[in-house]
């Protein structure tokens, strides 16, 4: 029984570590986009990269429809 719990804890730890790494990469790419385009950006966990426009904050993937 203890082996089963240990395996479950190991899988949960690996999954959590993967989420943390993915969030860090997404945050970094958002900051890099802001640096490259000289725009103000911020990262929202459930939305993604947001770019400041005259109308407010717009998700980066919807920016073309706003311009």
C-alpha atoms as a PDB file:
ATOM      1  CA  UNK A   1       0.000   0.000   0.000  1.00  0.00           C
ATOM      2  CA  UNK A   2       2.842   2.386   0.794  1.00  0.00           C
ATOM      3  CA  UNK A   3       4.354   1.769  -2.631  1.00  0.00           C
ATOM      4  CA  UNK A   4       1.105   2.819  -4.256  1.00  0.00           C
ATOM      5  CA  UNK A   5       1.030   6.081  -2.293  1.00  0.00           C
ATOM      6  CA  UNK A   6       4.677   6.741  -3.092  1.00  0.00           C
ATOM      7  CA  UNK A   7       4.044   6.239  -6.809  1.00  0.00           C
ATOM      8  CA  UNK A   8       1.006   8.497  -6.706  1.00  0.00           C
ATOM      9  CA  UNK A   9       2.997  11.194  -4.910  1.00  0.00           C
ATOM     10  CA  UNK A  10       5.794  10.904  -7.459  1.00  0.00           C
ATOM     11  CA  UNK A  11       3.382  11.284 -10.384  1.00  0.00           C
ATOM     12  CA  UNK A  12       1.694  14.273  -8.721  1.00  0.00           C
ATOM     13  CA  UNK A  13       5.081  15.899  -8.065  1.00  0.00           C
ATOM     14  CA  UNK A  14       6.194  15.446 -11.672  1.00  0.00           C
ATOM     15  CA  UNK A  15       2.887  16.853 -12.947  1.00  0.00           C
ATOM     16  CA  UNK A  16       3.136  19.869 -10.652  1.00  0.00           C
ATOM     17  CA  UNK A  17       6.732  20.492 -11.695  1.00  0.00           C
ATOM     18  CA  UNK A  18       5.640  20.358 -15.337  1.00  0.00           C
ATOM     19  CA  UNK A  19       2.938  22.952 -14.700  1.00  0.00           C
ATOM     20  CA  UNK A  20       5.416  25.252 -12.966  1.00  0.00           C
ATOM     21  CA  UNK A  21       7.915  24.977 -15.828  1.00  0.00           C
ATOM     22  CA  UNK A  22       5.193  25.607 -18.434  1.00  0.00           C
ATOM     23  CA  UNK A  23       3.961  28.686 -16.547  1.00  0.00           C
ATOM     24  CA  UNK A  24       7.509  30.053 -16.326  1.00  0.00           C
ATOM     25  CA  UNK A  25       8.059  29.539 -20.058  1.00  0.00           C
ATOM     26  CA  UNK A  26       4.742  31.210 -20.927  1.00  0.00           C
ATOM     27  CA  UNK A  27       5.527  34.162 -18.655  1.00  0.00           C
ATOM     28  CA  UNK A  28       8.970  34.494 -20.233  1.00  0.00           C
ATOM     29  CA  UNK A  29       7.640  34.467 -23.792  1.00  0.00           C
ATOM     30  CA  UNK A  30       5.086  37.116 -22.838  1.00  0.00           C
ATOM     31  CA  UNK A  31       7.804  39.350 -21.396  1.00  0.00           C
ATOM     32  CA  UNK A  32       9.992  38.745 -24.454  1.00  0.00           C
ATOM     33  CA  UNK A  33       7.112  39.747 -26.761  1.00  0.00           C
ATOM     34  CA  UNK A  34       6.719  42.987 -24.830  1.00  0.00           C
ATOM     35  CA  UNK A  35      10.444  43.664 -25.049  1.00  0.00           C
ATOM     36  CA  UNK A  36      10.588  42.986 -28.790  1.00  0.00           C
ATOM     37  CA  UNK A  37       7.519  45.063 -29.666  1.00  0.00           C
ATOM     38  CA  UNK A  38       8.096  47.777 -27.038  1.00  0.00           C
ATOM     39  CA  UNK A  39       4.562  47.281 -25.749  1.00  0.00           C
ATOM     40  CA  UNK A  40       3.358  46.890 -22.205  1.00  0.00           C
ATOM     41  CA  UNK A  41       2.485  43.256 -21.487  1.00  0.00           C
ATOM     42  CA  UNK A  42       1.368  41.205 -18.523  1.00  0.00           C
ATOM     43  CA  UNK A  43       0.710  37.526 -18.015  1.00  0.00           C
ATOM     44  CA  UNK A  44      -2.567  36.228 -16.603  1.00  0.00           C
ATOM     45  CA  UNK A  45      -2.536  32.529 -15.620  1.00  0.00           C
ATOM     46  CA  UNK A  46      -5.861  31.482 -17.181  1.00  0.00           C
ATOM     47  CA  UNK A  47      -5.887  33.967 -20.070  1.00  0.00           C
ATOM     48  CA  UNK A  48      -2.291  34.087 -21.270  1.00  0.00           C
ATOM     49  CA  UNK A  49      -0.294  37.049 -22.502  1.00  0.00           C
ATOM     50  CA  UNK A  50      -2.144  40.373 -22.458  1.00  0.00           C
ATOM     51  CA  UNK A  51      -1.059  43.443 -24.436  1.00  0.00           C
ATOM     52  CA  UNK A  52      -2.050  46.980 -23.473  1.00  0.00           C
ATOM     53  CA  UNK A  53      -3.853  48.850 -26.259  1.00  0.00           C
ATOM     54  CA  UNK A  54      -5.775  52.109 -26.360  1.00  0.00           C
ATOM     55  CA  UNK A  55      -8.948  50.150 -25.601  1.00  0.00           C
ATOM     56  CA  UNK A  56      -7.494  48.259 -22.657  1.00  0.00           C
ATOM     57  CA  UNK A  57      -5.820  44.893 -22.131  1.00  0.00           C
ATOM     58  CA  UNK A  58      -6.250  42.485 -25.063  1.00  0.00           C
ATOM     59  CA  UNK A  59      -5.064  38.858 -25.254  1.00  0.00           C
ATOM     60  CA  UNK A  60      -2.049  38.637 -27.553  1.00  0.00           C
ATOM     61  CA  UNK A  61      -3.659  36.010 -29.791  1.00  0.00           C
ATOM     62  CA  UNK A  62      -6.649  38.345 -30.403  1.00  0.00           C
ATOM     63  CA  UNK A  63      -4.525  41.423 -31.060  1.00  0.00           C
ATOM     64  CA  UNK A  64      -4.893  41.245 -34.852  1.00  0.00           C
ATOM     65  CA  UNK A  65      -8.666  41.530 -34.615  1.00  0.00           C
ATOM     66  CA  UNK A  66      -8.351  44.653 -32.456  1.00  0.00           C
ATOM     67  CA  UNK A  67      -5.960  46.566 -34.724  1.00  0.00           C
END
